[in-house]
N, C-alpha and C. Protein backbone atom coordinates (compact mmCIF):
# COMPACT_ATOMS: atom_id res chain seq x y z
N UNK A 1 -66.38 206.39 -77.74
CA UNK A 1 -67.42 206.58 -76.76
C UNK A 1 -66.81 206.74 -75.37
N UNK A 2 -67.39 207.63 -74.59
CA UNK A 2 -66.90 207.89 -73.24
C UNK A 2 -67.38 206.76 -72.33
N UNK A 3 -66.47 206.26 -71.48
CA UNK A 3 -66.85 205.14 -70.61
C UNK A 3 -67.39 205.64 -69.27
N UNK A 4 -68.26 204.84 -68.71
CA UNK A 4 -68.85 205.13 -67.40
C UNK A 4 -67.75 205.22 -66.35
N UNK A 5 -66.77 204.30 -66.42
CA UNK A 5 -65.66 204.28 -65.46
C UNK A 5 -64.85 205.57 -65.51
N UNK A 6 -64.66 206.11 -66.72
CA UNK A 6 -63.91 207.36 -66.86
C UNK A 6 -64.65 208.51 -66.17
N UNK A 7 -65.96 208.53 -66.30
CA UNK A 7 -66.76 209.58 -65.66
C UNK A 7 -66.70 209.44 -64.14
N UNK A 8 -66.81 208.20 -63.64
CA UNK A 8 -66.73 207.96 -62.20
C UNK A 8 -65.38 208.44 -61.66
N UNK A 9 -64.32 208.16 -62.41
CA UNK A 9 -62.97 208.57 -62.00
C UNK A 9 -62.85 210.10 -61.95
N UNK A 10 -63.47 210.78 -62.90
CA UNK A 10 -63.42 212.25 -62.95
C UNK A 10 -64.26 212.86 -61.83
N UNK A 11 -65.45 212.31 -61.61
CA UNK A 11 -66.41 212.94 -60.70
C UNK A 11 -66.11 212.68 -59.22
N UNK A 12 -65.47 211.58 -58.88
CA UNK A 12 -65.24 211.23 -57.48
C UNK A 12 -64.51 212.31 -56.69
N UNK A 13 -63.36 212.82 -57.16
CA UNK A 13 -62.70 213.88 -56.39
C UNK A 13 -63.51 215.19 -56.34
N UNK A 14 -64.28 215.46 -57.39
CA UNK A 14 -65.11 216.66 -57.41
C UNK A 14 -66.20 216.57 -56.35
N UNK A 15 -66.77 215.39 -56.18
CA UNK A 15 -67.81 215.19 -55.17
C UNK A 15 -67.25 215.31 -53.76
N UNK A 16 -66.04 214.80 -53.56
CA UNK A 16 -65.41 214.88 -52.24
C UNK A 16 -65.22 216.34 -51.82
N UNK A 17 -64.84 217.21 -52.77
CA UNK A 17 -64.68 218.64 -52.47
C UNK A 17 -65.99 219.27 -52.02
N UNK A 18 -67.10 218.82 -52.60
CA UNK A 18 -68.42 219.39 -52.32
C UNK A 18 -69.13 218.66 -51.17
N UNK A 19 -68.48 217.63 -50.59
CA UNK A 19 -69.07 216.82 -49.53
C UNK A 19 -70.36 216.14 -50.00
N UNK A 20 -70.31 215.58 -51.21
CA UNK A 20 -71.44 214.90 -51.82
C UNK A 20 -71.04 213.47 -52.15
N UNK A 21 -71.99 212.67 -52.62
CA UNK A 21 -71.68 211.31 -53.04
C UNK A 21 -72.41 210.96 -54.33
N UNK A 22 -71.84 210.00 -55.05
CA UNK A 22 -72.36 209.58 -56.34
C UNK A 22 -73.45 208.53 -56.16
N UNK A 23 -74.57 208.75 -56.83
CA UNK A 23 -75.67 207.79 -56.80
C UNK A 23 -75.61 206.91 -58.05
N UNK A 24 -75.46 207.56 -59.21
CA UNK A 24 -75.50 206.80 -60.46
C UNK A 24 -74.86 207.58 -61.59
N UNK A 25 -74.24 206.86 -62.52
CA UNK A 25 -73.73 207.44 -63.76
C UNK A 25 -74.25 206.58 -64.90
N UNK A 26 -74.78 207.24 -65.92
CA UNK A 26 -75.16 206.48 -67.12
C UNK A 26 -74.61 207.22 -68.34
N UNK A 27 -74.17 206.44 -69.30
CA UNK A 27 -73.66 206.99 -70.56
C UNK A 27 -74.41 206.27 -71.68
N UNK A 28 -75.20 207.03 -72.43
CA UNK A 28 -75.98 206.45 -73.52
C UNK A 28 -75.14 206.24 -74.76
N UNK A 29 -75.69 205.50 -75.70
CA UNK A 29 -74.98 205.22 -76.95
C UNK A 29 -74.75 206.50 -77.76
N UNK A 30 -75.54 207.55 -77.47
CA UNK A 30 -75.39 208.84 -78.14
C UNK A 30 -74.46 209.78 -77.36
N UNK A 31 -73.71 209.21 -76.38
CA UNK A 31 -72.80 209.97 -75.51
C UNK A 31 -73.52 210.98 -74.63
N UNK A 32 -74.76 210.68 -74.25
CA UNK A 32 -75.45 211.50 -73.26
C UNK A 32 -75.04 210.96 -71.90
N UNK A 33 -74.39 211.83 -71.12
CA UNK A 33 -73.89 211.45 -69.80
C UNK A 33 -74.85 212.03 -68.77
N UNK A 34 -75.36 211.16 -67.88
CA UNK A 34 -76.22 211.61 -66.78
C UNK A 34 -75.55 211.20 -65.48
N UNK A 35 -75.23 212.20 -64.65
CA UNK A 35 -74.60 211.96 -63.36
C UNK A 35 -75.59 212.36 -62.28
N UNK A 36 -75.98 211.40 -61.44
CA UNK A 36 -76.90 211.68 -60.35
C UNK A 36 -76.12 211.68 -59.05
N UNK A 37 -76.27 212.78 -58.28
CA UNK A 37 -75.52 212.95 -57.05
C UNK A 37 -76.48 213.20 -55.89
N UNK A 38 -75.96 213.05 -54.67
CA UNK A 38 -76.75 213.31 -53.47
C UNK A 38 -75.79 213.76 -52.38
N UNK A 39 -76.34 214.24 -51.30
CA UNK A 39 -75.54 214.68 -50.17
C UNK A 39 -76.32 214.48 -48.89
N UNK A 40 -75.60 214.32 -47.80
CA UNK A 40 -76.27 214.11 -46.51
C UNK A 40 -77.13 215.30 -46.13
N UNK A 41 -76.79 216.48 -46.63
CA UNK A 41 -77.57 217.69 -46.34
C UNK A 41 -78.20 218.25 -47.60
N UNK A 42 -78.43 217.40 -48.59
CA UNK A 42 -79.02 217.85 -49.85
C UNK A 42 -77.96 218.31 -50.83
N UNK A 43 -78.42 218.79 -51.99
CA UNK A 43 -77.52 219.23 -53.06
C UNK A 43 -78.00 220.58 -53.56
N UNK A 44 -77.09 221.54 -53.62
CA UNK A 44 -77.45 222.87 -54.13
C UNK A 44 -77.26 222.92 -55.64
N UNK A 45 -77.90 223.89 -56.26
CA UNK A 45 -77.73 224.10 -57.70
C UNK A 45 -76.28 224.46 -57.99
N UNK A 46 -75.68 225.26 -57.12
CA UNK A 46 -74.27 225.63 -57.30
C UNK A 46 -73.37 224.40 -57.33
N UNK A 47 -73.66 223.43 -56.48
CA UNK A 47 -72.87 222.20 -56.46
C UNK A 47 -73.01 221.45 -57.77
N UNK A 48 -74.23 221.37 -58.30
CA UNK A 48 -74.45 220.70 -59.59
C UNK A 48 -73.67 221.40 -60.69
N UNK A 49 -73.69 222.73 -60.67
CA UNK A 49 -72.95 223.51 -61.68
C UNK A 49 -71.45 223.26 -61.55
N UNK A 50 -70.93 223.27 -60.32
CA UNK A 50 -69.49 223.04 -60.11
C UNK A 50 -69.07 221.65 -60.58
N UNK A 51 -69.87 220.64 -60.30
CA UNK A 51 -69.56 219.28 -60.73
C UNK A 51 -69.60 219.20 -62.25
N UNK A 52 -70.63 219.80 -62.85
CA UNK A 52 -70.76 219.81 -64.31
C UNK A 52 -69.56 220.47 -64.97
N UNK A 53 -69.16 221.62 -64.46
CA UNK A 53 -67.98 222.33 -65.02
C UNK A 53 -66.71 221.51 -64.86
N UNK A 54 -66.57 220.84 -63.72
CA UNK A 54 -65.39 220.02 -63.48
C UNK A 54 -65.32 218.85 -64.45
N UNK A 55 -66.46 218.24 -64.73
CA UNK A 55 -66.49 217.11 -65.68
C UNK A 55 -66.17 217.63 -67.08
N UNK A 56 -66.81 218.72 -67.49
CA UNK A 56 -66.57 219.28 -68.83
C UNK A 56 -65.10 219.66 -69.02
N UNK A 57 -64.48 220.21 -67.99
CA UNK A 57 -63.07 220.62 -68.09
C UNK A 57 -62.14 219.41 -68.27
N UNK A 58 -62.59 218.25 -67.82
CA UNK A 58 -61.76 217.04 -67.91
C UNK A 58 -61.97 216.26 -69.20
N UNK A 59 -63.00 216.62 -69.96
CA UNK A 59 -63.27 215.93 -71.22
C UNK A 59 -62.94 216.83 -72.40
N UNK A 60 -62.58 216.22 -73.52
CA UNK A 60 -62.21 216.96 -74.72
C UNK A 60 -63.35 216.91 -75.73
N UNK A 61 -64.02 218.05 -75.93
CA UNK A 61 -65.16 218.10 -76.86
C UNK A 61 -64.71 217.90 -78.32
N UNK A 62 -63.46 218.21 -78.62
CA UNK A 62 -62.97 218.00 -79.99
C UNK A 62 -62.81 216.52 -80.30
N UNK A 63 -62.53 215.72 -79.26
CA UNK A 63 -62.36 214.28 -79.45
C UNK A 63 -63.68 213.53 -79.34
N UNK A 64 -64.50 213.92 -78.38
CA UNK A 64 -65.78 213.25 -78.12
C UNK A 64 -66.88 214.30 -78.01
N UNK A 65 -67.90 214.18 -78.82
CA UNK A 65 -69.07 215.04 -78.69
C UNK A 65 -69.98 214.39 -77.65
N UNK A 66 -70.40 215.16 -76.67
CA UNK A 66 -71.23 214.59 -75.61
C UNK A 66 -72.23 215.62 -75.10
N UNK A 67 -73.26 215.10 -74.46
CA UNK A 67 -74.24 215.92 -73.75
C UNK A 67 -74.11 215.54 -72.28
N UNK A 68 -74.10 216.53 -71.39
CA UNK A 68 -73.89 216.27 -69.97
C UNK A 68 -75.03 216.81 -69.14
N UNK A 69 -75.51 215.98 -68.23
CA UNK A 69 -76.55 216.39 -67.28
C UNK A 69 -76.11 215.94 -65.89
N UNK A 70 -75.98 216.91 -64.98
CA UNK A 70 -75.68 216.60 -63.59
C UNK A 70 -76.92 216.96 -62.79
N UNK A 71 -77.45 215.98 -62.07
CA UNK A 71 -78.71 216.16 -61.37
C UNK A 71 -78.62 215.60 -59.96
N UNK A 72 -79.46 216.13 -59.09
CA UNK A 72 -79.52 215.58 -57.73
C UNK A 72 -80.60 214.52 -57.66
N UNK A 73 -80.43 213.59 -56.74
CA UNK A 73 -81.45 212.57 -56.51
C UNK A 73 -82.65 213.29 -55.91
N UNK A 74 -83.72 213.37 -56.65
CA UNK A 74 -84.86 214.19 -56.24
C UNK A 74 -85.79 213.51 -55.25
N UNK A 75 -86.64 214.34 -54.65
CA UNK A 75 -87.68 213.83 -53.77
C UNK A 75 -88.60 212.93 -54.57
N UNK A 76 -89.01 211.86 -53.97
CA UNK A 76 -89.92 210.95 -54.66
C UNK A 76 -89.22 209.96 -55.57
N UNK A 77 -87.91 210.13 -55.75
CA UNK A 77 -87.14 209.19 -56.57
C UNK A 77 -86.76 207.98 -55.71
N UNK A 78 -86.67 206.80 -56.31
CA UNK A 78 -86.28 205.62 -55.53
C UNK A 78 -84.86 205.75 -54.98
N UNK A 79 -84.66 205.20 -53.79
CA UNK A 79 -83.32 205.14 -53.21
C UNK A 79 -82.56 204.03 -53.94
N UNK A 80 -81.30 204.28 -54.25
CA UNK A 80 -80.55 203.33 -55.07
C UNK A 80 -79.32 202.75 -54.40
N UNK A 81 -78.71 203.50 -53.48
CA UNK A 81 -77.46 203.01 -52.88
C UNK A 81 -77.58 203.05 -51.35
N UNK A 82 -76.80 202.22 -50.65
CA UNK A 82 -76.89 202.15 -49.18
C UNK A 82 -76.75 203.51 -48.48
N UNK A 83 -75.91 204.38 -48.99
CA UNK A 83 -75.71 205.67 -48.33
C UNK A 83 -77.00 206.49 -48.31
N UNK A 84 -77.86 206.33 -49.31
CA UNK A 84 -79.13 207.05 -49.32
C UNK A 84 -80.05 206.53 -48.22
N UNK A 85 -79.99 205.23 -47.94
CA UNK A 85 -80.79 204.66 -46.86
C UNK A 85 -80.29 205.20 -45.52
N UNK A 86 -78.98 205.26 -45.35
CA UNK A 86 -78.39 205.79 -44.12
C UNK A 86 -78.78 207.25 -43.93
N UNK A 87 -78.74 208.01 -45.00
CA UNK A 87 -79.09 209.43 -44.96
C UNK A 87 -80.54 209.63 -44.48
N UNK A 88 -81.40 208.68 -44.80
CA UNK A 88 -82.82 208.82 -44.50
C UNK A 88 -83.29 208.08 -43.25
N UNK A 89 -82.35 207.69 -42.37
CA UNK A 89 -82.74 207.05 -41.11
C UNK A 89 -83.68 207.98 -40.35
N UNK A 90 -84.77 207.41 -39.84
CA UNK A 90 -85.77 208.18 -39.11
C UNK A 90 -86.93 208.65 -39.98
N UNK A 91 -86.81 208.45 -41.28
CA UNK A 91 -87.88 208.86 -42.20
C UNK A 91 -88.73 207.65 -42.59
N UNK A 92 -89.97 207.93 -42.99
CA UNK A 92 -90.87 206.87 -43.42
C UNK A 92 -90.53 206.46 -44.85
N UNK A 93 -90.57 205.17 -45.09
CA UNK A 93 -90.18 204.61 -46.37
C UNK A 93 -91.27 203.65 -46.86
N UNK A 94 -91.53 203.69 -48.16
CA UNK A 94 -92.42 202.71 -48.77
C UNK A 94 -91.56 201.81 -49.64
N UNK A 95 -91.58 200.52 -49.32
CA UNK A 95 -90.72 199.56 -49.99
C UNK A 95 -91.58 198.54 -50.74
N UNK A 96 -91.22 198.30 -51.99
CA UNK A 96 -91.84 197.22 -52.76
C UNK A 96 -90.77 196.14 -52.91
N UNK A 97 -91.08 194.97 -52.36
CA UNK A 97 -90.14 193.86 -52.42
C UNK A 97 -90.25 193.13 -53.76
N UNK A 98 -89.23 192.42 -54.13
CA UNK A 98 -89.24 191.66 -55.39
C UNK A 98 -90.36 190.62 -55.39
N UNK A 99 -90.81 190.21 -54.20
CA UNK A 99 -91.91 189.25 -54.09
C UNK A 99 -93.26 189.90 -54.41
N UNK A 100 -93.26 191.25 -54.52
CA UNK A 100 -94.50 191.98 -54.81
C UNK A 100 -95.13 192.59 -53.57
N UNK A 101 -94.67 192.18 -52.39
CA UNK A 101 -95.21 192.70 -51.13
C UNK A 101 -94.79 194.15 -50.93
N UNK A 102 -95.74 194.98 -50.41
CA UNK A 102 -95.43 196.37 -50.07
C UNK A 102 -95.32 196.49 -48.56
N UNK A 103 -94.28 197.20 -48.12
CA UNK A 103 -94.04 197.40 -46.69
C UNK A 103 -93.82 198.89 -46.48
N UNK A 104 -94.45 199.43 -45.43
CA UNK A 104 -94.28 200.84 -45.11
C UNK A 104 -93.88 200.96 -43.65
N UNK A 105 -92.82 201.72 -43.39
CA UNK A 105 -92.35 201.89 -42.03
C UNK A 105 -91.24 202.92 -41.97
N UNK A 106 -90.67 203.07 -40.78
CA UNK A 106 -89.61 204.05 -40.54
C UNK A 106 -88.26 203.34 -40.53
N UNK A 107 -87.28 203.92 -41.21
CA UNK A 107 -85.93 203.33 -41.23
C UNK A 107 -85.28 203.53 -39.87
N UNK A 108 -84.95 202.41 -39.21
CA UNK A 108 -84.27 202.45 -37.91
C UNK A 108 -82.76 202.49 -38.08
N UNK A 109 -82.26 201.68 -39.03
CA UNK A 109 -80.82 201.60 -39.25
C UNK A 109 -80.56 201.09 -40.66
N UNK A 110 -79.34 201.29 -41.12
CA UNK A 110 -78.95 200.82 -42.45
C UNK A 110 -77.44 200.60 -42.47
N UNK A 111 -77.03 199.60 -43.25
CA UNK A 111 -75.61 199.36 -43.47
C UNK A 111 -75.42 198.94 -44.92
N UNK A 112 -74.28 198.36 -45.25
CA UNK A 112 -74.00 198.00 -46.65
C UNK A 112 -74.78 196.78 -47.13
N UNK A 113 -75.39 196.02 -46.22
CA UNK A 113 -76.11 194.81 -46.60
C UNK A 113 -77.62 195.00 -46.67
N UNK A 114 -78.15 195.93 -45.87
CA UNK A 114 -79.59 196.13 -45.83
C UNK A 114 -79.98 197.16 -44.79
N UNK A 115 -81.26 197.16 -44.43
CA UNK A 115 -81.76 198.14 -43.48
C UNK A 115 -82.85 197.51 -42.62
N UNK A 116 -83.18 198.18 -41.51
CA UNK A 116 -84.23 197.71 -40.62
C UNK A 116 -85.36 198.73 -40.67
N UNK A 117 -86.56 198.24 -40.93
CA UNK A 117 -87.74 199.07 -41.03
C UNK A 117 -88.65 198.76 -39.85
N UNK A 118 -89.07 199.79 -39.10
CA UNK A 118 -90.05 199.61 -38.02
C UNK A 118 -91.43 199.75 -38.62
N UNK A 119 -92.17 198.64 -38.59
CA UNK A 119 -93.49 198.60 -39.19
C UNK A 119 -94.54 198.53 -38.09
N UNK A 120 -95.56 199.37 -38.20
CA UNK A 120 -96.64 199.41 -37.23
C UNK A 120 -97.65 198.31 -37.54
N UNK A 121 -97.94 197.47 -36.51
CA UNK A 121 -98.90 196.38 -36.68
C UNK A 121 -99.88 196.39 -35.51
N UNK A 122 -101.12 195.99 -35.79
CA UNK A 122 -102.11 195.86 -34.73
C UNK A 122 -102.15 194.40 -34.31
N UNK A 123 -101.99 194.18 -33.00
CA UNK A 123 -101.99 192.83 -32.47
C UNK A 123 -102.97 192.72 -31.30
N UNK A 124 -103.50 191.53 -31.12
CA UNK A 124 -104.40 191.28 -29.99
C UNK A 124 -103.56 191.12 -28.73
N UNK A 125 -104.02 191.78 -27.67
CA UNK A 125 -103.33 191.70 -26.39
C UNK A 125 -104.27 191.00 -25.41
N UNK A 126 -103.72 190.04 -24.68
CA UNK A 126 -104.53 189.29 -23.73
C UNK A 126 -105.17 190.21 -22.71
N UNK A 127 -106.45 190.00 -22.47
CA UNK A 127 -107.17 190.80 -21.48
C UNK A 127 -107.72 192.10 -22.04
N UNK A 128 -107.51 192.36 -23.31
CA UNK A 128 -108.00 193.59 -23.92
C UNK A 128 -108.82 193.23 -25.16
N UNK A 129 -109.97 193.89 -25.30
CA UNK A 129 -110.81 193.63 -26.47
C UNK A 129 -110.28 194.35 -27.71
N UNK A 130 -109.63 195.45 -27.47
CA UNK A 130 -109.14 196.29 -28.55
C UNK A 130 -107.70 195.89 -28.93
N UNK A 131 -107.44 195.83 -30.23
CA UNK A 131 -106.07 195.54 -30.69
C UNK A 131 -105.19 196.75 -30.42
N UNK A 132 -103.94 196.48 -30.08
CA UNK A 132 -102.98 197.55 -29.83
C UNK A 132 -101.95 197.61 -30.95
N UNK A 133 -101.50 198.83 -31.18
CA UNK A 133 -100.50 199.03 -32.21
C UNK A 133 -99.10 198.84 -31.60
N UNK A 134 -98.29 198.03 -32.27
CA UNK A 134 -96.91 197.81 -31.84
C UNK A 134 -95.99 198.00 -33.04
N UNK A 135 -94.75 198.38 -32.77
CA UNK A 135 -93.76 198.51 -33.83
C UNK A 135 -92.94 197.23 -33.91
N UNK A 136 -92.88 196.68 -35.10
CA UNK A 136 -92.12 195.45 -35.32
C UNK A 136 -90.95 195.76 -36.24
N UNK A 137 -89.71 195.52 -35.77
CA UNK A 137 -88.56 195.76 -36.64
C UNK A 137 -88.44 194.64 -37.68
N UNK A 138 -88.33 195.03 -38.94
CA UNK A 138 -88.21 194.05 -40.03
C UNK A 138 -86.89 194.31 -40.77
N UNK A 139 -85.95 193.36 -40.68
CA UNK A 139 -84.70 193.52 -41.45
C UNK A 139 -84.96 193.19 -42.92
N UNK A 140 -84.44 194.03 -43.81
CA UNK A 140 -84.61 193.84 -45.25
C UNK A 140 -83.25 193.97 -45.92
N UNK A 141 -82.89 192.96 -46.70
CA UNK A 141 -81.63 193.00 -47.47
C UNK A 141 -81.89 193.77 -48.77
N UNK A 142 -80.89 194.50 -49.23
CA UNK A 142 -81.05 195.30 -50.45
C UNK A 142 -81.46 194.45 -51.65
N UNK A 143 -80.96 193.20 -51.71
CA UNK A 143 -81.29 192.36 -52.87
C UNK A 143 -82.76 191.92 -52.87
N UNK A 144 -83.48 192.12 -51.76
CA UNK A 144 -84.92 191.81 -51.70
C UNK A 144 -85.76 192.96 -52.25
N UNK A 145 -85.17 194.13 -52.42
CA UNK A 145 -85.91 195.36 -52.73
C UNK A 145 -86.04 195.58 -54.23
N UNK A 146 -87.27 195.77 -54.67
CA UNK A 146 -87.53 196.16 -56.06
C UNK A 146 -87.44 197.68 -56.16
N UNK A 147 -88.10 198.40 -55.21
CA UNK A 147 -87.98 199.85 -55.15
C UNK A 147 -88.25 200.32 -53.73
N UNK A 148 -87.66 201.45 -53.37
CA UNK A 148 -87.85 202.04 -52.04
C UNK A 148 -87.87 203.55 -52.20
N UNK A 149 -88.93 204.17 -51.68
CA UNK A 149 -89.06 205.63 -51.77
C UNK A 149 -89.40 206.21 -50.41
N UNK A 150 -88.86 207.39 -50.16
CA UNK A 150 -89.21 208.13 -48.95
C UNK A 150 -90.62 208.65 -49.13
N UNK A 151 -91.45 208.48 -48.09
CA UNK A 151 -92.83 208.95 -48.13
C UNK A 151 -92.83 210.45 -47.85
N UNK A 152 -93.38 211.22 -48.78
CA UNK A 152 -93.46 212.66 -48.60
C UNK A 152 -94.71 213.01 -47.82
N UNK A 153 -94.54 213.86 -46.80
CA UNK A 153 -95.68 214.27 -45.99
C UNK A 153 -95.85 215.78 -46.09
N UNK A 154 -97.07 216.18 -46.32
CA UNK A 154 -97.39 217.60 -46.41
C UNK A 154 -98.25 217.97 -45.22
N UNK A 155 -97.85 219.02 -44.50
CA UNK A 155 -98.61 219.43 -43.32
C UNK A 155 -99.45 220.64 -43.60
């Protein structure tokens, strides 16, 4: 059986050539290999084809029978690694925390430990009858997150 580590080792230099990054690799018990990639400026079909060909050229079909799928992290798919959060700074995100709470806001910043979400809240202001909307920065650690998706907006 082909190991996940072997695929990561093969795909890493291929991704560097294409200026892309690895999101996830899975290898099923039936040797179905799924490689999910992303890039700061998106991923072209040509890049997926080049990565797929590079992986196939490095594996021996006579020794191991396998099925290979190279795919980009699609719109509406959950963010999985810190680099995806960094890539999406300034975009609206819907986050479901492990506690079950849902939070929606704009990503202000992200690093290897977590991210900061600006959440719009209505608060009472002294001397005003009407509540005013303010942005509250909420730091969230990755281990608190059950799922996080970029909110798609159609104009």
